[in-house]
Amino acid sequence: MKWRVILEPDLETGDWAVWCPELPGCVSAGETKQEALENIREAIELYLEPEPIELSTGAIACEVTIE
């Protein structure tokens, strides 16, 4: 799956900030563009990783696919 990311230079440090507009709060950074892109890939994977949930009696957990 492809995600749009925005790279922005930090004029004070020379580093790169990167964020994903479709995933609120999913941000990262790196000293180079390449490092920032590698870091945001990991951040997106962690953002999308499901957290364990406790179900009440009778509840059913299912998955759906979005293309």
C-alpha atoms as a PDB file:
ATOM      1  CA  MET A   1       0.000   0.000   0.000  1.00  0.00           C
ATOM      2  CA  LYS A   2       1.288   3.477  -0.830  1.00  0.00           C
ATOM      3  CA  TRP A   3       1.098   6.439   1.546  1.00  0.00           C
ATOM      4  CA  ARG A   4       1.765  10.088   0.788  1.00  0.00           C
ATOM      5  CA  VAL A   5       4.383  11.686   3.007  1.00  0.00           C
ATOM      6  CA  ILE A   6       5.551  15.272   3.282  1.00  0.00           C
ATOM      7  CA  LEU A   7       9.263  16.039   3.743  1.00  0.00           C
ATOM      8  CA  GLU A   8      10.160  19.422   5.208  1.00  0.00           C
ATOM      9  CA  PRO A   9      13.658  20.753   5.867  1.00  0.00           C
ATOM     10  CA  ASP A  10      14.438  22.098   9.324  1.00  0.00           C
ATOM     11  CA  LEU A  11      16.318  25.293   8.547  1.00  0.00           C
ATOM     12  CA  GLU A  12      17.873  25.434  12.023  1.00  0.00           C
ATOM     13  CA  THR A  13      19.282  21.897  12.197  1.00  0.00           C
ATOM     14  CA  GLY A  14      19.506  20.862   8.552  1.00  0.00           C
ATOM     15  CA  ASP A  15      17.525  17.701   9.395  1.00  0.00           C
ATOM     16  CA  TRP A  16      14.341  16.577   7.620  1.00  0.00           C
ATOM     17  CA  ALA A  17      10.910  16.315   9.218  1.00  0.00           C
ATOM     18  CA  VAL A  18       8.449  13.933   7.588  1.00  0.00           C
ATOM     19  CA  TRP A  19       4.753  13.270   8.198  1.00  0.00           C
ATOM     20  CA  CYS A  20       1.871  11.352   6.691  1.00  0.00           C
ATOM     21  CA  PRO A  21      -1.237  13.524   6.127  1.00  0.00           C
ATOM     22  CA  GLU A  22      -3.640  10.555   6.134  1.00  0.00           C
ATOM     23  CA  LEU A  23      -2.407   9.278   9.518  1.00  0.00           C
ATOM     24  CA  PRO A  24      -2.809  11.984  12.190  1.00  0.00           C
ATOM     25  CA  GLY A  25       0.165  12.111  14.525  1.00  0.00           C
ATOM     26  CA  CYS A  26       2.318   9.835  12.360  1.00  0.00           C
ATOM     27  CA  VAL A  27       5.552  11.830  12.137  1.00  0.00           C
ATOM     28  CA  SER A  28       9.273  11.194  12.079  1.00  0.00           C
ATOM     29  CA  ALA A  29      12.563  12.831  11.124  1.00  0.00           C
ATOM     30  CA  GLY A  30      16.055  12.090   9.890  1.00  0.00           C
ATOM     31  CA  GLU A  31      19.390  13.719   9.231  1.00  0.00           C
ATOM     32  CA  THR A  32      18.971  13.031   5.487  1.00  0.00           C
ATOM     33  CA  LYS A  33      15.953  12.670   3.205  1.00  0.00           C
ATOM     34  CA  GLN A  34      16.691   8.947   2.876  1.00  0.00           C
ATOM     35  CA  GLU A  35      16.893   8.448   6.644  1.00  0.00           C
ATOM     36  CA  ALA A  36      13.665  10.412   7.144  1.00  0.00           C
ATOM     37  CA  LEU A  37      11.881   8.225   4.562  1.00  0.00           C
ATOM     38  CA  GLU A  38      13.157   5.034   6.204  1.00  0.00           C
ATOM     39  CA  ASN A  39      12.023   6.314   9.594  1.00  0.00           C
ATOM     40  CA  ILE A  40       8.521   7.254   8.386  1.00  0.00           C
ATOM     41  CA  ARG A  41       8.110   3.787   6.844  1.00  0.00           C
ATOM     42  CA  GLU A  42       8.733   2.293  10.279  1.00  0.00           C
ATOM     43  CA  ALA A  43       6.439   4.867  11.914  1.00  0.00           C
ATOM     44  CA  ILE A  44       3.616   4.012   9.481  1.00  0.00           C
ATOM     45  CA  GLU A  45       4.049   0.276  10.130  1.00  0.00           C
ATOM     46  CA  LEU A  46       3.846   0.858  13.886  1.00  0.00           C
ATOM     47  CA  TYR A  47       0.902   3.245  13.497  1.00  0.00           C
ATOM     48  CA  LEU A  48      -1.077   0.635  11.558  1.00  0.00           C
ATOM     49  CA  GLU A  49      -0.158  -2.295  13.810  1.00  0.00           C
ATOM     50  CA  PRO A  50      -3.318  -3.393  15.605  1.00  0.00           C
ATOM     51  CA  GLU A  51      -3.321  -3.277  19.384  1.00  0.00           C
ATOM     52  CA  PRO A  52      -4.719  -6.218  21.332  1.00  0.00           C
ATOM     53  CA  ILE A  53      -8.293  -5.656  22.484  1.00  0.00           C
ATOM     54  CA  GLU A  54     -10.471  -7.375  25.043  1.00  0.00           C
ATOM     55  CA  LEU A  55     -13.861  -8.394  23.690  1.00  0.00           C
ATOM     56  CA  SER A  56     -17.017  -8.545  25.706  1.00  0.00           C
ATOM     57  CA  THR A  57     -18.994 -11.779  25.801  1.00  0.00           C
ATOM     58  CA  GLY A  58     -20.595 -12.460  22.423  1.00  0.00           C
ATOM     59  CA  ALA A  59     -18.456  -9.930  20.533  1.00  0.00           C
ATOM     60  CA  ILE A  60     -16.664 -11.073  17.377  1.00  0.00           C
ATOM     61  CA  ALA A  61     -13.476  -9.561  15.938  1.00  0.00           C
ATOM     62  CA  CYS A  62     -13.308  -9.451  12.121  1.00  0.00           C
ATOM     63  CA  GLU A  63     -11.046  -7.941   9.500  1.00  0.00           C
ATOM     64  CA  VAL A  64     -12.008  -6.120   6.301  1.00  0.00           C
ATOM     65  CA  THR A  65      -9.825  -5.318   3.292  1.00  0.00           C
ATOM     66  CA  ILE A  66      -9.769  -1.853   1.767  1.00  0.00           C
ATOM     67  CA  GLU A  67      -8.264  -1.517  -1.689  1.00  0.00           C
END
